[in-house]
Amino acid sequence: MKKPGWFDTLVSSFRKRLSSLPDKRRGKNTRYGMEDAALSAFGVFFTQTPSFLAYQRKMAGNKGQSNAQSLFGVHKIPCDNHIRDLLDGVAPSELFPLFEEILQILDEQGQLKDKRSLADTLLMAMDGTEYFSSTQIHCPQCSTRTLRSGEVQYFHSVVTPVIVCPGQTQVIPLVPEFVRPQDGHDKQDCENAAAKRWLNEHGPRLSRLKVTVLGDDLYCHQPLCQLLLDHQLDFILVCRPDSHTTLYDHLKGIDLPTVISKRWTGKIEETWTYRYLNDLPLKDGADALLVNWCEVTVRRPDQKVIYHNAFVTHYTLTDDNVAEIVQAGRTRWKVENENNNTLKTKGYHLEHNFGHGKQHLAALLATLNILSLLFHTLLELLDEKYKRLRVHLPTRQTFFDDLRALTRYLYFDNWDHLLTFMLQGLDLEIPPNSS
């Protein structure tokens, strides 16, 4: 008997876990399982097709079967409003074990080993992003801000930790942490409070995985840095002069260690200048945490500065490692470009209001959306047929356009059947030993 592929194995595991979701219903009104509601929503995000469920309901009516059932294990497809109603009472944390399961699979398959870089650690970037805002729609979980017009705007935001690696396009999303109103109303306090909650919850495991945490200037303050050290985590954080005056005062008048290198871009020769100093106070006062500071300035031949940034770290800086540490620190941007911006602009539509609800719906749907990106990442790393298709199709968008069209008009027994159909249609060889 043929061994199921990664997709079918994970969907089966998803269904098993989702079957235990809390259900507010009482009595006999349970025609649809909670797992059917959650997997139906996941199917929309995975296929990047807002009308996926409508197509599958029609297919089920015409053919007695649908791709929602064969691909995602949905026994009966609830209507959209029923899905929203069923899922509103489910906290996002109910889905977090699915993130951990995929991370464990990637680790067992050697994918985390391939993403280790600086000092043989995994680089984990943290950043906050908004995924909903409205002046009309709101719920008790919304944060608020007052616009210049005096109107109140309601919004949701989330901290999205991801594993990143220099030179690699894939990022691995980890369990998100949602900003909640009780965190405060100032963005820095909100995001920092959520980040601290996340680190306290997941710090012990990160320590075992050997992680270096990356973040922007928002995270570069003593309470969070101390928390990272308490969890035995290294860090490289952006450090700006206007928010760290004490540290930068200690740099004045010092002949800083400097490393200069030249890099040919294929068109021009850039000059990369690194400066650094160890054991600087992160803030004023006798209890200040001592950190190590470095900066990089990139100039063109005409001396125009095309990049400048500075970081603090717990790594001791030397002439030999300052360039590598700066490179690791700069990899932080991948959490924005490869994760948050991908979720917003590459078909996942994170900022679209798929449903807001009165309790957890907005956050739960955002979690399913992030989970779909993680699922795609796993397939891109482990599924040979998926990888081959993505390589031979002109763009990522082409793959999902084809996926939408095929699942609308044709029924497939399983994910492997769908991929095989696509490969054969393109006259591509079926990868050997693919499941």
Protein backbone atom coordinates (compact mmCIF):
# COMPACT_ATOMS: atom_id res chain seq x y z
CA MET A 1 0.00 0.00 0.00
CA LYS A 2 1.34 3.41 -0.97
CA LYS A 3 2.53 5.52 1.93
CA PRO A 4 0.57 8.79 2.25
CA GLY A 5 2.47 11.97 1.37
CA TRP A 6 3.23 14.85 3.71
CA PHE A 7 0.05 16.71 2.76
CA ASP A 8 -2.32 13.82 3.45
CA THR A 9 -0.46 12.85 6.61
CA LEU A 10 -0.73 16.35 8.04
CA VAL A 11 -4.37 16.85 7.04
CA SER A 12 -5.19 13.58 8.81
CA SER A 13 -3.32 14.79 11.89
CA PHE A 14 -5.06 18.18 11.66
CA ARG A 15 -8.47 16.57 11.58
CA LYS A 16 -7.69 14.44 14.62
CA ARG A 17 -6.53 17.46 16.62
CA LEU A 18 -9.35 19.71 15.44
CA SER A 19 -12.00 17.16 16.41
CA SER A 20 -11.39 18.12 20.05
CA LEU A 21 -12.00 21.85 19.57
CA PRO A 22 -14.36 23.31 22.19
CA ASP A 23 -17.94 23.30 20.94
CA LYS A 24 -20.46 25.76 22.39
CA ARG A 25 -23.41 23.83 20.97
CA ARG A 26 -25.65 21.75 23.17
CA GLY A 27 -28.22 19.12 22.31
CA LYS A 28 -28.58 17.51 18.88
CA ASN A 29 -27.74 20.50 16.68
CA THR A 30 -24.36 19.09 15.66
CA ARG A 31 -24.72 18.28 11.99
CA TYR A 32 -21.30 19.76 11.28
CA GLY A 33 -18.23 18.81 13.28
CA MET A 34 -15.94 21.51 14.64
CA GLU A 35 -13.16 19.96 12.57
CA ASP A 36 -15.29 20.43 9.42
CA ALA A 37 -15.63 24.15 10.19
CA ALA A 38 -11.91 24.62 10.90
CA LEU A 39 -10.70 22.57 7.93
CA SER A 40 -13.16 24.37 5.62
CA ALA A 41 -11.64 27.71 6.66
CA PHE A 42 -8.14 26.29 6.32
CA GLY A 43 -8.96 25.11 2.79
CA VAL A 44 -9.84 28.68 1.78
CA PHE A 45 -6.49 29.98 3.03
CA PHE A 46 -4.44 27.07 1.71
CA THR A 47 -5.87 27.29 -1.82
CA GLN A 48 -5.92 31.10 -1.64
CA THR A 49 -9.44 30.93 -3.05
CA PRO A 50 -12.13 32.94 -1.21
CA SER A 51 -14.79 31.09 -3.24
CA PHE A 52 -13.29 27.63 -2.65
CA LEU A 53 -16.12 26.44 -0.40
CA ALA A 54 -18.84 27.71 -2.73
CA TYR A 55 -17.24 25.76 -5.60
CA GLN A 56 -16.96 22.62 -3.49
CA ARG A 57 -20.56 22.80 -2.27
CA LYS A 58 -21.67 22.96 -5.90
CA MET A 59 -19.36 20.07 -6.85
CA ALA A 60 -20.68 17.97 -3.96
CA GLY A 61 -24.24 18.68 -5.11
CA ASN A 62 -23.50 17.74 -8.73
CA LYS A 63 -21.06 14.85 -8.24
CA GLY A 64 -21.73 13.66 -4.72
CA GLN A 65 -18.12 14.39 -3.74
CA SER A 66 -15.81 17.37 -3.53
CA ASN A 67 -12.18 18.37 -3.21
CA ALA A 68 -12.94 19.84 0.21
CA GLN A 69 -13.61 16.27 1.31
CA SER A 70 -10.84 14.47 -0.59
CA LEU A 71 -8.08 17.05 -0.01
CA PHE A 72 -8.94 18.53 3.38
CA GLY A 73 -11.03 15.81 5.01
CA VAL A 74 -14.17 17.96 5.30
CA HIS A 75 -17.07 15.52 5.69
CA LYS A 76 -19.79 18.15 5.39
CA ILE A 77 -19.19 21.77 4.32
CA PRO A 78 -20.93 24.30 6.58
CA CYS A 79 -22.11 27.60 5.13
CA ASP A 80 -19.77 30.56 5.64
CA ASN A 81 -21.84 32.14 8.40
CA HIS A 82 -22.11 28.83 10.24
CA ILE A 83 -18.32 28.42 10.05
CA ARG A 84 -17.85 31.86 11.58
CA ASP A 85 -20.38 31.16 14.31
CA LEU A 86 -18.83 27.78 15.20
CA LEU A 87 -15.27 29.11 15.29
CA ASP A 88 -15.87 32.39 17.14
CA GLY A 89 -15.55 30.75 20.54
CA VAL A 90 -12.31 28.90 19.72
CA ALA A 91 -9.12 30.49 21.06
CA PRO A 92 -6.15 30.56 18.64
CA SER A 93 -4.11 28.58 21.18
CA GLU A 94 -6.19 25.51 20.27
CA LEU A 95 -4.30 25.45 16.95
CA PHE A 96 -0.82 26.01 18.34
CA PRO A 97 0.02 22.27 18.63
CA LEU A 98 -0.22 22.11 14.82
CA PHE A 99 2.67 24.60 14.53
CA GLU A 100 4.72 22.53 16.96
CA GLU A 101 3.98 19.34 15.03
CA ILE A 102 5.18 20.80 11.74
CA LEU A 103 8.29 22.25 13.38
CA GLN A 104 9.09 18.83 14.81
CA ILE A 105 8.69 17.22 11.38
CA LEU A 106 11.01 19.80 9.81
CA ASP A 107 13.55 19.17 12.57
CA GLU A 108 13.36 15.39 12.12
CA GLN A 109 13.81 15.79 8.35
CA GLY A 110 16.99 17.86 8.82
CA GLN A 111 15.48 21.15 7.66
CA LEU A 112 16.35 23.05 10.84
CA LYS A 113 19.94 21.89 10.57
CA ASP A 114 20.08 23.43 7.10
CA LYS A 115 18.90 26.76 8.52
CA ARG A 116 21.57 27.10 11.20
CA SER A 117 24.08 29.87 10.63
CA LEU A 118 25.74 32.19 13.17
CA ALA A 119 27.48 30.12 15.89
CA ASP A 120 25.44 27.13 14.73
CA THR A 121 22.24 28.77 16.00
CA LEU A 122 18.83 29.25 14.46
CA LEU A 123 18.02 32.89 13.75
CA MET A 124 14.53 33.80 14.92
CA ALA A 125 13.15 37.20 13.93
CA MET A 126 10.26 38.79 15.82
CA ASP A 127 8.02 41.54 14.55
CA GLY A 128 4.49 42.84 15.05
CA THR A 129 1.97 43.46 12.31
CA GLU A 130 -1.66 44.55 12.05
CA TYR A 131 -4.15 42.28 10.34
CA PHE A 132 -7.45 44.13 10.82
CA SER A 133 -8.64 47.71 11.24
CA SER A 134 -12.02 49.40 11.07
CA THR A 135 -13.87 52.39 12.45
CA GLN A 136 -17.14 50.42 12.47
CA ILE A 137 -16.54 46.73 13.16
CA HIS A 138 -15.10 45.80 16.53
CA CYS A 139 -15.11 43.22 19.31
CA PRO A 140 -13.94 43.05 22.95
CA GLN A 141 -10.54 41.77 21.73
CA CYS A 142 -9.87 44.89 19.60
CA SER A 143 -7.21 47.42 20.42
CA THR A 144 -8.12 51.06 19.78
CA ARG A 145 -6.54 54.34 18.72
CA THR A 146 -7.96 57.78 18.12
CA LEU A 147 -7.42 59.23 14.65
CA ARG A 148 -6.71 62.91 13.97
CA SER A 149 -10.34 63.32 13.02
CA GLY A 150 -11.29 62.23 16.54
CA GLU A 151 -12.78 58.99 15.23
CA VAL A 152 -11.90 55.79 17.08
CA GLN A 153 -10.22 53.09 15.01
CA TYR A 154 -10.38 49.47 16.11
CA PHE A 155 -7.60 47.09 15.14
CA HIS A 156 -5.96 43.74 15.76
CA SER A 157 -2.23 43.05 15.73
CA VAL A 158 -0.03 40.05 16.27
CA VAL A 159 3.63 39.26 16.95
CA THR A 160 4.87 36.82 14.31
CA PRO A 161 8.11 34.99 15.22
CA VAL A 162 9.76 33.20 12.28
CA ILE A 163 12.93 31.20 11.73
CA VAL A 164 15.05 32.88 9.06
CA CYS A 165 18.41 32.19 7.42
CA PRO A 166 20.72 34.41 5.34
CA GLY A 167 20.55 33.51 1.67
CA GLN A 168 17.40 31.38 1.97
CA THR A 169 13.99 32.57 0.82
CA GLN A 170 11.87 30.25 2.96
CA VAL A 171 10.99 31.29 6.48
CA ILE A 172 9.37 29.02 9.06
CA PRO A 173 6.49 30.70 10.92
CA LEU A 174 6.24 29.80 14.58
CA VAL A 175 3.31 30.08 16.98
CA PRO A 176 2.00 33.69 16.85
CA GLU A 177 1.23 35.85 19.88
CA PHE A 178 -1.79 38.14 19.66
CA VAL A 179 -1.75 41.62 21.15
CA ARG A 180 -4.67 42.05 23.51
CA PRO A 181 -6.26 45.27 24.83
CA GLN A 182 -5.00 44.72 28.38
CA ASP A 183 -1.46 45.00 27.05
CA GLY A 184 -1.91 48.78 26.91
CA HIS A 185 -2.62 51.24 24.14
CA ASP A 186 0.87 52.34 23.15
CA LYS A 187 2.24 50.24 20.26
CA GLN A 188 5.60 49.70 21.92
CA ASP A 189 4.04 48.56 25.21
CA CYS A 190 1.55 46.32 23.40
CA GLU A 191 4.05 44.61 21.13
CA ASN A 192 6.70 44.31 23.82
CA ALA A 193 4.21 42.85 26.29
CA ALA A 194 3.10 40.28 23.72
CA ALA A 195 6.72 39.45 22.88
CA LYS A 196 7.51 38.92 26.55
CA ARG A 197 4.51 36.64 26.96
CA TRP A 198 5.63 34.65 23.97
CA LEU A 199 9.22 34.33 25.22
CA ASN A 200 8.09 33.24 28.68
CA GLU A 201 5.92 30.57 27.10
CA HIS A 202 8.38 29.29 24.50
CA GLY A 203 11.78 30.35 25.86
CA PRO A 204 12.73 26.97 27.34
CA ARG A 205 12.24 25.19 24.02
CA LEU A 206 14.08 27.92 22.11
CA SER A 207 17.01 27.51 24.47
CA ARG A 208 17.18 23.81 23.68
CA LEU A 209 17.09 24.58 19.95
CA LYS A 210 19.94 27.14 20.31
CA VAL A 211 18.31 30.32 19.01
CA THR A 212 19.56 33.84 18.35
CA VAL A 213 16.69 36.34 18.47
CA LEU A 214 16.52 39.20 15.94
CA GLY A 215 14.36 42.28 16.28
CA ASP A 216 14.03 45.96 15.52
CA ASP A 217 14.66 48.88 17.87
CA LEU A 218 11.29 48.30 19.52
CA TYR A 219 12.73 45.24 21.26
CA CYS A 220 16.09 46.76 22.11
CA HIS A 221 15.40 47.68 25.73
CA GLN A 222 16.73 46.25 28.96
CA PRO A 223 13.65 44.36 30.25
CA LEU A 224 13.29 42.36 27.05
CA CYS A 225 17.04 41.87 26.58
CA GLN A 226 17.33 40.62 30.15
CA LEU A 227 14.43 38.26 29.56
CA LEU A 228 16.24 36.83 26.54
CA LEU A 229 19.36 36.24 28.61
CA ASP A 230 17.31 34.68 31.41
CA HIS A 231 16.10 32.14 28.86
CA GLN A 232 19.69 31.59 27.64
CA LEU A 233 19.00 33.16 24.26
CA ASP A 234 21.44 35.26 22.31
CA PHE A 235 20.19 38.35 20.49
CA ILE A 236 21.02 40.85 17.75
CA LEU A 237 18.70 43.86 17.88
CA VAL A 238 18.57 47.11 15.93
CA CYS A 239 19.79 50.00 18.10
CA ARG A 240 18.97 53.58 17.09
CA PRO A 241 20.68 56.68 18.56
CA ASP A 242 17.46 58.55 19.36
CA SER A 243 16.18 55.79 21.66
CA HIS A 244 19.54 54.85 23.23
CA THR A 245 21.21 58.15 24.07
CA THR A 246 23.20 56.74 27.00
CA LEU A 247 24.82 54.04 24.87
CA TYR A 248 25.68 56.45 22.07
CA ASP A 249 27.10 59.00 24.54
CA HIS A 250 29.67 56.34 25.52
CA LEU A 251 30.78 56.08 21.88
CA LYS A 252 31.71 59.74 21.56
CA GLY A 253 35.38 60.56 21.31
CA ILE A 254 36.48 56.92 21.05
CA ASP A 255 38.65 55.59 18.25
CA LEU A 256 36.41 52.62 17.46
CA PRO A 257 37.74 49.32 16.08
CA THR A 258 37.01 49.38 12.36
CA VAL A 259 36.88 46.75 9.62
CA ILE A 260 36.65 47.74 5.94
CA SER A 261 35.87 45.39 3.07
CA LYS A 262 35.12 45.75 -0.64
CA ARG A 263 32.30 43.94 -2.42
CA TRP A 264 31.75 43.74 -6.16
CA THR A 265 28.04 43.73 -7.02
CA GLY A 266 28.50 42.91 -10.70
CA LYS A 267 28.19 46.60 -11.56
CA ILE A 268 30.00 48.61 -8.89
CA GLU A 269 32.40 48.04 -6.01
CA GLU A 270 30.79 48.82 -2.66
CA THR A 271 32.73 49.73 0.47
CA TRP A 272 31.45 48.12 3.68
CA THR A 273 32.67 49.78 6.86
CA TYR A 274 32.06 48.10 10.22
CA ARG A 275 32.65 49.76 13.59
CA TYR A 276 32.11 48.13 16.97
CA LEU A 277 32.69 48.31 20.71
CA ASN A 278 32.03 45.85 23.53
CA ASP A 279 30.66 46.39 27.04
CA LEU A 280 28.41 49.43 26.66
CA PRO A 281 25.48 50.25 28.98
CA LEU A 282 22.10 49.76 27.35
CA LYS A 283 20.57 52.43 29.59
CA ASP A 284 21.48 54.91 32.30
CA GLY A 285 22.00 53.73 35.88
CA ALA A 286 24.18 51.36 37.90
CA ASP A 287 21.99 48.38 37.00
CA ALA A 288 22.42 48.90 33.25
CA LEU A 289 22.88 45.75 31.18
CA LEU A 290 26.17 45.74 29.28
CA VAL A 291 25.85 44.95 25.58
CA ASN A 292 28.09 44.95 22.52
CA TRP A 293 27.43 47.45 19.75
CA CYS A 294 28.27 47.46 16.04
CA GLU A 295 27.30 49.40 12.94
CA VAL A 296 27.67 48.99 9.21
CA THR A 297 27.83 51.69 6.53
CA VAL A 298 27.72 50.78 2.84
CA ARG A 299 28.98 53.32 0.29
CA ARG A 300 29.12 53.45 -3.49
CA PRO A 301 32.31 54.57 -5.27
CA ASP A 302 31.00 58.17 -5.24
CA GLN A 303 30.80 57.86 -1.40
CA LYS A 304 27.01 57.99 -1.35
CA VAL A 305 25.69 55.98 1.61
CA ILE A 306 23.24 53.34 0.40
CA TYR A 307 22.77 51.49 3.70
CA HIS A 308 23.43 52.19 7.36
CA ASN A 309 22.30 50.39 10.49
CA ALA A 310 23.46 49.58 14.01
CA PHE A 311 22.86 46.66 16.35
CA VAL A 312 23.48 45.53 19.89
CA THR A 313 24.20 41.92 20.73
CA HIS A 314 25.31 39.58 23.47
CA TYR A 315 28.00 38.11 21.22
CA THR A 316 31.50 39.44 21.90
CA LEU A 317 32.51 41.40 18.81
CA THR A 318 35.87 41.04 17.06
CA ASP A 319 37.38 41.96 13.71
CA ASP A 320 36.76 38.37 12.64
CA ASN A 321 33.04 38.09 13.43
CA VAL A 322 31.55 41.59 13.17
CA ALA A 323 30.60 41.17 9.49
CA GLU A 324 28.87 37.84 10.17
CA ILE A 325 26.95 39.26 13.12
CA VAL A 326 25.80 42.26 11.06
CA GLN A 327 24.70 39.90 8.28
CA ALA A 328 22.67 37.91 10.80
CA GLY A 329 21.14 41.10 12.23
CA ARG A 330 20.14 42.29 8.77
CA THR A 331 18.31 39.03 8.18
CA ARG A 332 15.63 40.41 10.49
CA TRP A 333 13.96 42.05 7.47
CA LYS A 334 12.84 38.60 6.30
CA VAL A 335 10.12 38.56 8.96
CA GLU A 336 8.64 41.59 7.19
CA ASN A 337 9.31 40.72 3.54
CA GLU A 338 9.09 36.92 3.50
CA ASN A 339 6.43 36.53 6.19
CA ASN A 340 4.25 39.55 7.00
CA ASN A 341 4.29 41.10 3.53
CA THR A 342 3.80 37.66 1.95
CA LEU A 343 0.75 37.14 4.15
CA LYS A 344 -0.62 40.53 3.13
CA THR A 345 0.25 40.76 -0.57
CA LYS A 346 0.97 37.28 -1.99
CA GLY A 347 -2.48 35.74 -1.99
CA TYR A 348 -3.11 35.09 1.72
CA HIS A 349 -4.92 38.43 2.20
CA LEU A 350 -4.12 38.61 5.91
CA GLU A 351 -5.63 42.09 6.20
CA HIS A 352 -8.92 41.06 4.58
CA ASN A 353 -11.83 40.74 6.99
CA PHE A 354 -12.84 37.10 6.48
CA GLY A 355 -14.96 37.40 9.62
CA HIS A 356 -14.58 39.33 12.83
CA GLY A 357 -16.91 37.76 15.37
CA LYS A 358 -17.42 38.75 18.99
CA GLN A 359 -14.74 36.64 20.70
CA HIS A 360 -11.79 34.97 18.96
CA LEU A 361 -12.81 34.68 15.31
CA ALA A 362 -10.49 37.33 13.84
CA ALA A 363 -7.46 35.92 15.64
CA LEU A 364 -8.38 32.30 14.89
CA LEU A 365 -8.76 32.97 11.16
CA ALA A 366 -5.43 34.84 11.15
CA THR A 367 -3.86 31.80 12.83
CA LEU A 368 -5.26 29.48 10.15
CA ASN A 369 -3.89 31.85 7.52
CA ILE A 370 -0.40 31.83 9.06
CA LEU A 371 -0.68 28.06 9.42
CA SER A 372 -1.37 27.76 5.70
CA LEU A 373 1.88 29.61 4.95
CA LEU A 374 3.72 27.19 7.24
CA PHE A 375 2.03 24.28 5.46
CA HIS A 376 3.16 25.63 2.07
CA THR A 377 6.69 26.04 3.45
CA LEU A 378 6.77 22.41 4.57
CA LEU A 379 5.62 21.26 1.11
CA GLU A 380 8.22 23.47 -0.55
CA LEU A 381 10.92 21.86 1.57
CA LEU A 382 9.77 18.22 1.63
CA ASP A 383 7.27 17.45 -1.17
CA GLU A 384 9.23 16.60 -4.34
CA LYS A 385 6.25 16.95 -6.68
CA TYR A 386 5.29 20.29 -5.19
CA LYS A 387 8.89 21.52 -5.49
CA ARG A 388 9.13 20.43 -9.12
CA LEU A 389 5.91 22.20 -10.05
CA ARG A 390 6.95 25.40 -8.31
CA VAL A 391 10.29 25.36 -10.16
CA HIS A 392 8.75 24.84 -13.60
CA LEU A 393 5.76 27.14 -13.33
CA PRO A 394 6.69 30.76 -14.20
CA THR A 395 5.49 32.29 -10.92
CA ARG A 396 4.08 31.32 -7.56
CA GLN A 397 0.85 33.02 -8.60
CA THR A 398 0.59 30.71 -11.62
CA PHE A 399 0.60 27.68 -9.34
CA PHE A 400 -2.28 29.00 -7.26
CA ASP A 401 -4.21 30.16 -10.33
CA ASP A 402 -3.94 26.62 -11.69
CA LEU A 403 -4.85 25.15 -8.29
CA ARG A 404 -7.99 27.29 -8.13
CA ALA A 405 -9.09 26.36 -11.65
CA LEU A 406 -8.42 22.65 -11.32
CA THR A 407 -10.14 22.24 -7.96
CA ARG A 408 -13.15 24.17 -9.24
CA TYR A 409 -13.81 21.97 -12.26
CA LEU A 410 -12.20 18.58 -11.51
CA TYR A 411 -12.35 16.16 -8.62
CA PHE A 412 -9.11 14.65 -7.26
CA ASP A 413 -8.85 11.63 -4.99
CA ASN A 414 -6.06 13.21 -2.95
CA TRP A 415 -3.24 15.77 -3.01
CA ASP A 416 -0.84 13.37 -4.75
CA HIS A 417 -3.38 12.78 -7.52
CA LEU A 418 -3.69 16.56 -8.04
CA LEU A 419 0.07 17.13 -8.23
CA THR A 420 0.57 14.17 -10.55
CA PHE A 421 -2.15 15.51 -12.86
CA MET A 422 -0.41 18.90 -12.98
CA LEU A 423 3.03 17.37 -13.65
CA GLN A 424 1.68 15.17 -16.44
CA GLY A 425 -0.16 18.13 -17.95
CA LEU A 426 3.14 19.99 -18.16
CA ASP A 427 4.96 16.90 -19.52
CA LEU A 428 7.24 16.88 -16.49
CA GLU A 429 8.87 13.76 -15.15
CA ILE A 430 7.39 12.40 -11.92
CA PRO A 431 10.10 12.68 -9.23
CA PRO A 432 11.52 9.29 -8.20
CA ASN A 433 10.60 8.01 -4.73
CA SER A 434 7.93 10.71 -4.35
CA SER A 435 4.96 9.77 -2.27
